[in-house]
Amino acid sequence: MTVWRRVGWLFVAATACAATVSGCGSASTGRASSEAVVNTVRDFAGPDAKVYESQVRVKNADDGSFRWIPMVVACKPEGGCQVVAPDGAGYPDLQAFVDDTKLIDPGDQVTGNANIASPDAPVRTETFVKRSGLPLAWVAGGALLVLLLAAVWLNARSRRRRSDEQTLRAWETPPGQE
């Protein structure tokens, strides 16, 4: 496989990855599953986990309607907590949930306890907005790729033009005056 073919496949994979709402590597499935929640809690905190429930309110960006999403907070006996979404995906905090989950759409506003992964901390309500699925890194990478392709194209065009000029000079120069 040629280098350019590999680059093409990487570009296709990166584009497909960036086009998804949550990007690549998302643990979110977008489908609620009590079994997935139990497995995530057990995997993170073990059988002696302390488990809390917290609700977050979601305001739909399209029609302004509200709905509630129940979140499970799993804490290890020795400390450290993780937020578990209804689809079984685990997150370190509410911001990470909003950025990654497929349970909400871009533009939706999620209001909840900003300290959700710290059950002993005082409640601090905060609103987070789901951003579009195209992270800044992908935009910057795309711009860099366009600049690189433009530089390659300009270099090839310049070489071709120099070659054409040398050919014309050779035709215009009488023999013996080179």
Protein backbone atom coordinates (compact mmCIF):
# COMPACT_ATOMS: atom_id res chain seq x y z
CA MET A 1 0.00 0.00 0.00
CA THR A 2 1.43 3.38 -0.98
CA VAL A 3 1.99 6.19 1.47
CA TRP A 4 -0.70 8.31 -0.17
CA ARG A 5 -3.22 5.47 0.07
CA ARG A 6 -2.43 5.11 3.78
CA VAL A 7 -2.82 8.85 4.27
CA GLY A 8 -6.14 8.66 2.43
CA TRP A 9 -7.41 5.89 4.69
CA LEU A 10 -6.28 7.77 7.80
CA PHE A 11 -8.07 10.87 6.52
CA VAL A 12 -11.27 8.88 5.89
CA ALA A 13 -11.08 7.36 9.38
CA ALA A 14 -10.41 10.74 10.99
CA THR A 15 -13.27 12.36 9.08
CA ALA A 16 -15.70 9.61 10.05
CA CYS A 17 -14.53 9.88 13.64
CA ALA A 18 -14.90 13.67 13.76
CA ALA A 19 -18.34 13.54 12.14
CA THR A 20 -19.83 11.63 15.06
CA VAL A 21 -21.36 13.74 17.81
CA SER A 22 -19.06 12.44 20.52
CA GLY A 23 -15.96 11.73 18.48
CA CYS A 24 -13.77 8.63 18.63
CA GLY A 25 -13.31 6.50 21.68
CA SER A 26 -16.64 7.37 23.26
CA ALA A 27 -17.92 4.86 25.82
CA SER A 28 -21.44 6.21 25.37
CA THR A 29 -23.86 4.07 23.40
CA GLY A 30 -26.82 6.42 23.62
CA ARG A 31 -29.07 3.58 24.86
CA ALA A 32 -30.06 3.23 28.52
CA SER A 33 -29.07 -0.11 30.05
CA SER A 34 -29.34 -0.98 33.73
CA GLU A 35 -27.02 -3.94 33.16
CA ALA A 36 -24.34 -1.64 31.67
CA VAL A 37 -24.68 0.72 34.68
CA VAL A 38 -24.26 -2.14 37.16
CA ASN A 39 -21.23 -3.47 35.27
CA THR A 40 -19.57 -0.04 35.14
CA VAL A 41 -20.15 0.53 38.87
CA ARG A 42 -18.78 -2.94 39.70
CA ASP A 43 -15.76 -2.51 37.40
CA PHE A 44 -14.89 0.91 38.81
CA ALA A 45 -15.60 0.59 42.52
CA GLY A 46 -15.89 -3.14 43.18
CA PRO A 47 -18.54 -4.99 45.18
CA ASP A 48 -18.32 -2.65 48.21
CA ALA A 49 -19.09 0.50 46.21
CA LYS A 50 -21.03 3.35 47.74
CA VAL A 51 -23.66 4.40 45.22
CA TYR A 52 -25.61 7.65 45.05
CA GLU A 53 -28.17 8.93 42.58
CA SER A 54 -28.33 12.44 41.20
CA GLN A 55 -30.63 13.89 38.59
CA VAL A 56 -29.53 16.32 35.89
CA ARG A 57 -31.94 18.46 33.92
CA VAL A 58 -31.59 18.68 30.15
CA LYS A 59 -33.08 21.54 28.14
CA ASN A 60 -33.55 20.54 24.50
CA ALA A 61 -31.93 23.04 22.13
CA ASP A 62 -34.54 22.47 19.41
CA ASP A 63 -37.85 22.95 21.20
CA GLY A 64 -36.91 24.16 24.71
CA SER A 65 -38.50 21.16 26.43
CA PHE A 66 -37.02 19.76 29.63
CA ARG A 67 -36.28 16.20 30.73
CA TRP A 68 -34.43 14.58 33.59
CA ILE A 69 -31.56 12.12 33.30
CA PRO A 70 -30.77 9.98 36.36
CA MET A 71 -27.04 9.71 37.02
CA VAL A 72 -25.38 7.18 39.32
CA VAL A 73 -22.33 8.21 41.32
CA ALA A 74 -20.14 5.23 42.22
CA CYS A 75 -17.53 5.73 44.92
CA LYS A 76 -14.72 3.39 45.88
CA PRO A 77 -14.48 2.52 49.60
CA GLU A 78 -10.97 4.05 49.73
CA GLY A 79 -12.12 7.22 47.94
CA GLY A 80 -12.57 8.41 44.38
CA CYS A 81 -15.89 8.62 42.57
CA GLN A 82 -17.12 8.27 39.03
CA VAL A 83 -20.33 9.48 37.38
CA VAL A 84 -22.15 6.71 35.52
CA ALA A 85 -24.65 7.66 32.82
CA PRO A 86 -27.80 5.62 32.09
CA ASP A 87 -26.03 3.97 29.13
CA GLY A 88 -23.25 2.66 31.39
CA ALA A 89 -20.51 5.09 30.35
CA GLY A 90 -18.38 6.37 33.23
CA TYR A 91 -17.12 9.96 33.56
CA PRO A 92 -14.93 11.84 36.05
CA ASP A 93 -17.37 14.78 36.23
CA LEU A 94 -20.49 16.31 34.71
CA GLN A 95 -18.56 18.33 32.10
CA ALA A 96 -16.98 15.14 30.72
CA PHE A 97 -20.44 13.56 30.54
CA VAL A 98 -21.85 16.51 28.60
CA ASP A 99 -18.90 16.58 26.19
CA ASP A 100 -18.92 12.85 25.44
CA THR A 101 -22.39 11.37 25.83
CA LYS A 102 -24.70 10.41 22.99
CA LEU A 103 -27.72 10.79 25.29
CA ILE A 104 -27.95 14.51 24.50
CA ASP A 105 -27.61 16.52 21.31
CA PRO A 106 -25.35 19.47 20.46
CA GLY A 107 -26.77 22.69 21.86
CA ASP A 108 -28.64 20.98 24.71
CA GLN A 109 -28.13 22.56 28.13
CA VAL A 110 -27.46 20.27 31.09
CA THR A 111 -27.99 21.68 34.58
CA GLY A 112 -26.80 19.74 37.59
CA ASN A 113 -24.42 19.55 40.50
CA ALA A 114 -20.98 20.61 39.26
CA ASN A 115 -19.52 18.61 42.18
CA ILE A 116 -21.49 15.50 41.25
CA ALA A 117 -18.44 13.22 41.58
CA SER A 118 -17.76 14.57 45.09
CA PRO A 119 -20.77 13.58 47.22
CA ASP A 120 -19.32 15.20 50.36
CA ALA A 121 -18.75 18.58 48.68
CA PRO A 122 -21.42 21.28 48.85
CA VAL A 123 -23.87 21.33 45.96
CA ARG A 124 -22.92 23.88 43.30
CA THR A 125 -25.40 24.02 40.43
CA GLU A 126 -23.93 24.75 37.03
CA THR A 127 -25.17 24.66 33.44
CA PHE A 128 -23.10 22.98 30.73
CA VAL A 129 -23.80 23.20 26.99
CA LYS A 130 -23.16 20.27 24.66
CA ARG A 131 -20.76 21.46 21.96
CA SER A 132 -20.81 20.24 18.40
CA GLY A 133 -19.01 17.00 17.68
CA LEU A 134 -16.16 18.66 15.79
CA PRO A 135 -13.43 19.35 18.34
CA LEU A 136 -11.01 22.23 17.82
CA ALA A 137 -8.17 19.76 17.25
CA TRP A 138 -9.97 18.37 14.18
CA VAL A 139 -10.55 21.87 12.81
CA ALA A 140 -6.89 22.78 13.37
CA GLY A 141 -5.79 19.47 11.84
CA GLY A 142 -8.00 20.05 8.82
CA ALA A 143 -6.60 23.54 8.34
CA LEU A 144 -3.07 22.18 8.61
CA LEU A 145 -3.86 19.49 6.03
CA VAL A 146 -5.25 22.10 3.62
CA LEU A 147 -2.12 24.24 4.04
CA LEU A 148 0.11 21.21 3.47
CA LEU A 149 -1.77 20.21 0.31
CA ALA A 150 -1.63 23.81 -0.96
CA ALA A 151 2.15 23.91 -0.38
CA VAL A 152 2.65 20.63 -2.26
CA TRP A 153 0.47 21.86 -5.14
CA LEU A 154 2.31 25.21 -5.35
CA ASN A 155 5.68 23.46 -5.27
CA ALA A 156 4.67 21.11 -8.10
CA ARG A 157 3.26 24.02 -10.12
CA SER A 158 6.46 26.04 -9.61
CA ARG A 159 8.67 23.15 -10.76
CA ARG A 160 6.49 22.56 -13.82
CA ARG A 161 6.64 26.26 -14.72
CA ARG A 162 10.45 26.35 -14.35
CA SER A 163 10.72 23.30 -16.57
CA ASP A 164 8.47 24.94 -19.20
CA GLU A 165 10.55 28.15 -19.14
CA GLN A 166 13.79 26.22 -19.64
CA THR A 167 12.27 24.38 -22.59
CA LEU A 168 11.12 27.67 -24.18
CA ARG A 169 14.57 29.25 -23.70
CA ALA A 170 16.19 26.24 -25.36
CA TRP A 171 13.89 26.62 -28.38
CA GLU A 172 14.44 30.39 -28.65
CA THR A 173 18.24 30.25 -28.35
CA PRO A 174 19.98 29.71 -31.67
CA PRO A 175 22.37 26.79 -31.80
CA GLY A 176 25.84 27.63 -30.51
CA GLN A 177 24.67 30.55 -28.26
CA GLU A 178 23.59 28.47 -25.28
